[in-house]
Protein backbone atom coordinates (compact mmCIF):
# COMPACT_ATOMS: atom_id res chain seq x y z
CA MET A 1 124.22 82.66 71.97
CA LYS A 2 126.53 82.43 74.99
CA ASN A 3 128.25 85.68 74.02
CA LYS A 4 124.86 87.42 73.87
CA LYS A 5 124.06 86.22 77.37
CA TYR A 6 127.31 87.65 78.65
CA ILE A 7 126.54 90.96 76.91
CA TYR A 8 123.16 91.10 78.68
CA LEU A 9 124.86 90.40 82.01
CA ILE A 10 127.38 93.18 81.41
CA ALA A 11 124.53 95.56 80.55
CA LEU A 12 122.80 94.64 83.83
CA LEU A 13 125.98 95.08 85.88
CA PRO A 14 125.56 98.84 86.58
CA PHE A 15 122.00 98.23 87.76
CA LEU A 16 123.11 95.37 90.01
CA VAL A 17 125.90 97.51 91.49
CA VAL A 18 123.50 100.37 92.22
CA ALA A 19 120.91 97.98 93.72
CA PHE A 20 123.59 96.37 95.90
CA LEU A 21 125.03 99.67 97.14
CA TYR A 22 121.79 101.56 97.70
CA GLU A 23 119.32 98.80 98.58
CA ILE A 24 120.95 95.57 99.74
CA ILE A 25 123.70 97.04 101.93
CA PRO A 26 121.41 99.63 103.64
CA LEU A 27 118.84 96.87 104.27
CA ILE A 28 121.47 94.66 105.89
CA MET A 29 122.73 97.58 108.00
CA VAL A 30 119.21 98.38 109.20
CA VAL A 31 118.64 94.77 110.28
CA VAL A 32 122.05 94.58 111.99
CA ASN A 33 121.51 97.91 113.81
CA SER A 34 118.12 96.75 115.06
CA PHE A 35 119.88 94.12 117.19
CA GLN A 36 122.47 96.50 118.64
CA PRO A 37 122.05 98.89 121.59
CA ASP A 38 122.45 102.59 120.81
CA ALA A 39 125.35 102.84 123.25
CA GLY A 40 127.18 100.04 121.47
CA GLY A 41 127.73 96.50 122.61
CA ALA A 42 126.68 92.94 121.94
CA PHE A 43 123.58 91.45 120.35
CA THR A 44 120.32 92.47 122.10
CA LEU A 45 116.54 92.33 121.67
CA GLU A 46 116.01 95.45 123.77
CA ASN A 47 115.04 97.59 120.77
CA TYR A 48 112.24 95.18 119.84
CA ARG A 49 111.09 95.02 123.46
CA THR A 50 110.84 98.81 123.41
CA VAL A 51 108.86 98.78 120.16
CA PHE A 52 106.27 96.28 121.42
CA SER A 53 106.07 97.47 125.03
CA LYS A 54 106.00 101.27 124.71
CA LEU A 55 102.55 102.72 124.05
CA LEU A 56 103.87 105.34 121.60
CA TYR A 57 105.25 102.72 119.22
CA GLN A 58 102.29 100.38 119.68
CA LYS A 59 100.05 103.28 118.66
CA ALA A 60 102.29 103.99 115.67
CA ILE A 61 101.92 100.42 114.41
CA ILE A 62 98.14 100.40 114.94
CA ASN A 63 97.61 103.82 113.34
CA SER A 64 99.79 102.96 110.34
CA ILE A 65 97.98 99.67 109.70
CA LYS A 66 94.56 101.27 110.22
CA ILE A 67 95.21 104.18 107.84
CA SER A 68 96.87 101.92 105.27
CA LEU A 69 94.01 99.41 105.25
CA THR A 70 91.31 102.11 105.14
CA SER A 71 92.92 104.12 102.36
CA SER A 72 93.77 101.00 100.33
CA VAL A 73 90.27 99.49 100.53
CA VAL A 74 88.42 102.74 99.77
CA GLY A 75 90.96 103.74 97.13
CA ILE A 76 90.75 100.44 95.26
CA ILE A 77 86.93 100.44 95.26
CA ILE A 78 86.83 103.91 93.70
CA ALA A 79 89.69 102.97 91.35
CA PHE A 80 87.78 99.88 90.19
CA LEU A 81 84.83 102.04 89.14
CA GLY A 82 87.13 104.57 87.45
CA ALA A 83 89.13 101.89 85.60
CA ARG A 84 85.92 100.21 84.46
CA ALA A 85 84.59 103.51 83.11
CA ALA A 86 87.88 104.23 81.33
CA HIS A 87 87.82 100.76 79.76
CA GLN A 88 84.24 101.01 78.55
CA HIS A 89 84.38 104.56 77.15
CA GLN A 90 87.13 105.15 74.63
CA GLY A 91 87.78 108.43 72.81
CA LYS A 92 88.71 112.00 73.68
CA LEU A 93 87.07 111.87 77.11
CA ASN A 94 89.16 108.85 78.02
CA THR A 95 92.32 110.69 76.89
CA VAL A 96 91.43 113.63 79.14
CA PHE A 97 90.73 111.21 82.00
CA MET A 98 94.14 109.55 81.62
CA THR A 99 95.85 112.93 81.45
CA VAL A 100 94.19 114.05 84.68
CA LEU A 101 95.10 110.74 86.37
CA ASN A 102 98.76 111.10 85.46
CA MET A 103 98.77 114.68 86.70
CA VAL A 104 97.11 114.08 90.08
CA SER A 105 99.13 110.90 90.70
CA ASN A 106 102.20 113.13 91.08
CA PHE A 107 100.44 115.57 93.42
CA ALA A 108 101.50 114.36 96.86
CA GLY A 109 103.79 115.19 99.73
CA ILE A 110 103.96 118.73 101.13
CA PRO A 111 101.88 120.38 98.32
CA LEU A 112 99.05 117.90 99.00
CA ALA A 113 99.14 118.60 102.75
CA PHE A 114 99.10 122.35 102.09
CA ALA A 115 96.12 121.98 99.71
CA TYR A 116 94.13 120.05 102.32
CA MET A 117 94.95 122.65 104.98
CA ILE A 118 93.56 125.36 102.68
CA LEU A 119 90.39 123.37 102.02
CA LEU A 120 89.66 121.49 105.25
CA GLY A 121 91.95 122.96 107.91
CA ASN A 122 90.60 124.73 111.00
CA ALA A 123 90.19 127.92 108.95
CA GLY A 124 89.90 126.19 105.58
CA PHE A 125 87.63 127.24 102.73
CA MET A 126 85.19 124.30 103.02
CA VAL A 127 85.04 124.61 106.81
CA ASN A 128 84.14 128.30 106.53
CA VAL A 129 81.50 127.45 103.92
CA GLY A 130 80.04 124.90 106.33
CA ARG A 131 79.90 127.49 109.10
CA GLU A 132 78.21 130.07 106.86
CA LEU A 133 75.63 127.61 105.53
CA GLY A 134 75.09 125.80 108.82
CA ILE A 135 76.43 122.45 107.59
CA ASP A 136 77.60 120.85 110.82
CA PHE A 137 79.62 118.10 109.14
CA LEU A 138 81.83 120.63 107.36
CA ALA A 139 81.82 123.26 110.10
CA ASN A 140 83.07 120.78 112.73
CA TYR A 141 85.35 118.75 110.49
CA ASN A 142 88.74 118.04 112.07
CA LEU A 143 91.44 117.31 109.52
CA TYR A 144 94.10 116.72 112.16
CA THR A 145 92.98 113.21 113.17
CA THR A 146 93.54 109.66 111.91
CA SER A 147 90.27 109.98 109.95
CA GLY A 148 91.56 113.17 108.34
CA MET A 149 94.84 111.48 107.50
CA SER A 150 92.92 108.56 105.97
CA LEU A 151 91.08 111.01 103.71
CA ILE A 152 94.36 112.48 102.47
CA TYR A 153 95.86 109.05 101.89
CA ILE A 154 92.76 107.99 99.94
CA TYR A 155 93.33 110.95 97.63
CA PHE A 156 96.75 109.84 96.45
CA GLN A 157 95.77 106.15 96.43
CA ILE A 158 92.97 106.60 93.89
CA PRO A 159 94.99 107.76 90.83
CA LEU A 160 97.77 105.24 91.49
CA SER A 161 95.38 102.29 91.82
CA THR A 162 93.32 103.41 88.81
CA LEU A 163 96.42 103.54 86.61
CA LEU A 164 97.41 100.06 87.81
CA LEU A 165 93.94 98.56 87.25
CA ILE A 166 93.16 99.98 83.80
CA PRO A 167 95.46 97.51 81.93
CA ALA A 168 93.86 94.60 83.83
CA PHE A 169 90.48 95.37 82.25
CA ASP A 170 91.93 94.55 78.85
CA GLY A 171 91.75 90.91 79.96
CA ILE A 172 87.94 91.07 80.05
CA ARG A 173 86.75 89.71 76.71
CA LYS A 174 83.61 90.86 74.93
CA GLU A 175 82.73 87.21 74.23
CA TRP A 176 82.34 86.60 77.96
CA LYS A 177 79.87 89.45 78.30
CA GLU A 178 77.93 88.25 75.28
CA ALA A 179 77.83 84.69 76.61
CA SER A 180 76.61 85.93 79.99
CA THR A 181 73.87 87.96 78.32
CA LEU A 182 72.75 84.97 76.16
CA LEU A 183 72.50 82.87 79.31
CA GLY A 184 70.22 85.47 80.89
CA GLY A 185 72.75 87.16 83.16
CA GLY A 186 72.73 90.92 83.63
CA PRO A 187 75.72 93.22 84.08
CA GLY A 188 75.68 92.64 87.84
CA THR A 189 75.74 88.87 87.40
CA PHE A 190 78.59 89.09 84.90
CA TRP A 191 80.81 91.20 87.15
CA ARG A 192 79.99 89.19 90.25
CA LYS A 193 80.60 85.74 88.74
CA VAL A 194 83.03 86.40 85.88
CA GLY A 195 84.54 89.89 85.78
CA ILE A 196 85.60 90.38 89.39
CA PRO A 197 86.97 86.80 89.87
CA VAL A 198 89.09 87.24 86.70
CA LEU A 199 90.33 90.63 87.86
CA MET A 200 90.85 89.61 91.48
CA PRO A 201 94.58 88.71 91.13
CA SER A 202 95.22 92.18 89.67
CA ILE A 203 93.05 93.79 92.35
CA LEU A 204 94.92 92.00 95.13
CA GLY A 205 98.29 92.86 93.61
CA THR A 206 97.26 96.51 93.38
CA PHE A 207 96.01 96.37 96.97
CA SER A 208 99.42 95.21 98.23
CA VAL A 209 101.09 98.08 96.32
CA LEU A 210 98.66 100.59 97.85
CA PHE A 211 99.17 99.19 101.34
CA ALA A 212 102.95 99.45 101.05
CA ASN A 213 102.65 102.93 99.51
CA SER A 214 100.54 104.28 102.38
CA LEU A 215 102.44 102.44 105.12
CA ALA A 216 105.71 104.09 104.09
CA ALA A 217 104.27 107.54 103.25
CA TYR A 218 106.03 110.22 105.27
CA ALA A 219 106.10 113.72 103.76
CA THR A 220 102.35 114.41 103.69
CA ALA A 221 101.74 113.13 107.22
CA TYR A 222 104.70 115.00 108.69
CA ALA A 223 103.91 118.27 106.88
CA LEU A 224 100.34 118.17 108.17
CA MET A 225 100.72 116.75 111.67
CA MET A 226 104.44 117.01 112.53
CA ASN A 227 104.85 114.76 115.59
CA ASN A 228 101.22 115.11 116.71
CA ILE A 229 100.25 111.75 115.26
CA SER A 230 102.08 108.50 115.88
CA LEU A 231 102.89 106.74 112.61
CA LEU A 232 105.70 104.31 111.83
CA PRO A 233 107.47 106.50 109.22
CA ILE A 234 107.37 109.53 111.53
CA GLN A 235 108.72 107.54 114.48
CA ILE A 236 111.49 106.04 112.32
CA ALA A 237 112.51 109.47 111.05
CA GLY A 238 112.48 110.79 114.62
CA CYS A 239 115.01 108.16 115.67
CA PHE A 240 117.53 109.42 113.11
CA THR A 241 116.85 113.17 113.25
CA GLY A 242 116.13 113.69 116.94
CA GLU A 243 117.32 116.82 118.64
CA VAL A 244 118.89 114.95 121.58
CA ARG A 245 120.59 111.88 120.08
CA ILE A 246 120.31 109.47 117.18
CA ARG A 247 118.75 106.12 118.11
CA ALA A 248 119.81 103.98 115.17
CA GLY A 249 119.01 100.72 116.95
CA LEU A 250 115.43 101.67 117.76
CA GLY A 251 114.96 103.17 114.31
CA GLY A 252 116.24 99.94 112.78
CA ALA A 253 113.83 97.86 114.87
CA LEU A 254 110.89 100.05 113.81
CA SER A 255 112.01 99.77 110.18
CA VAL A 256 112.21 95.98 110.41
CA VAL A 257 108.72 95.86 111.94
CA MET A 258 107.39 97.99 109.07
CA MET A 259 109.06 95.73 106.51
CA ILE A 260 107.62 92.64 108.20
CA ILE A 261 104.11 94.14 108.03
CA MET A 262 104.60 94.83 104.31
CA VAL A 263 105.92 91.32 103.64
CA VAL A 264 103.03 89.73 105.55
CA MET A 265 100.49 91.73 103.55
CA ILE A 266 102.21 90.79 100.27
CA LEU A 267 102.21 87.10 101.25
CA ILE A 268 98.51 87.23 102.17
CA THR A 269 97.55 88.87 98.87
CA ASN A 270 99.72 86.41 96.92
CA ILE A 271 98.06 83.42 98.61
CA LEU A 272 94.58 84.82 97.96
CA SER A 273 95.53 85.65 94.37
CA LYS A 274 96.67 82.06 93.69
CA ARG A 275 93.42 80.72 95.15
CA PHE A 276 91.36 82.96 92.88
CA GLN A 277 93.46 81.96 89.87
CA LYS A 278 92.87 78.27 90.65
CA GLY A 279 89.14 78.93 91.10
CA VAL A 280 88.89 80.71 87.75
CA ALA A 281 90.88 77.92 86.03
CA LYS A 282 88.48 75.26 87.40
CA ARG A 283 85.53 77.16 85.98
């Protein structure tokens, strides 16, 4: 048995080496750089002062959190309905649905931004249709705002969250639905008092994944807006690819702030998930 354990450790060694070289070391370097001035020198908090005092970076944090929360909440609500439908209706239609989900889940980045520009840009197809038909909402729609960015983020959040939630519905037993019906409860009562509380840990876990996914998204936002919107990923990239000079310290501080936001959200969802699990167990 001991020899088998050593064999498993040897098999994991390449993975551990890759993780150490490409994840652990870069993470340590980012944190270390965040406490160093760009000109070189001793330990300093100047980079963090800049992040929290300069309006540009304050706006980047607010916009990133706002878009991430909006897209995650809306995306998970729609995904819940889609996952429920996929769970309840098996057969060929469900196979087609899963195929489409897998396809659109990989449609992101620059192609997604280009598609939205064609549809909802200033001279987009839907905008022109709105002008021809006198539909003010479409005719005056402005894609190049935080609301427009939220719409794009919602698009790529829906298939990801649906794929993550579908397996969770397998935990809903038919006996529970039958018991709820025998006790006089309708479908709404069942989902409100049994189904959703049971699924809530999976929903919260999926929410944290969606939040992290949207918070770190870069390609779509940059392809659509360039530097015309202040988001954390765009500001971080600008610190390392600027035309004047590289600001590794400031970029590191922004990266650490983004990681802290992600960790805080994960901790919150984990705490809420444990509370729901305890509540379901007591029932």
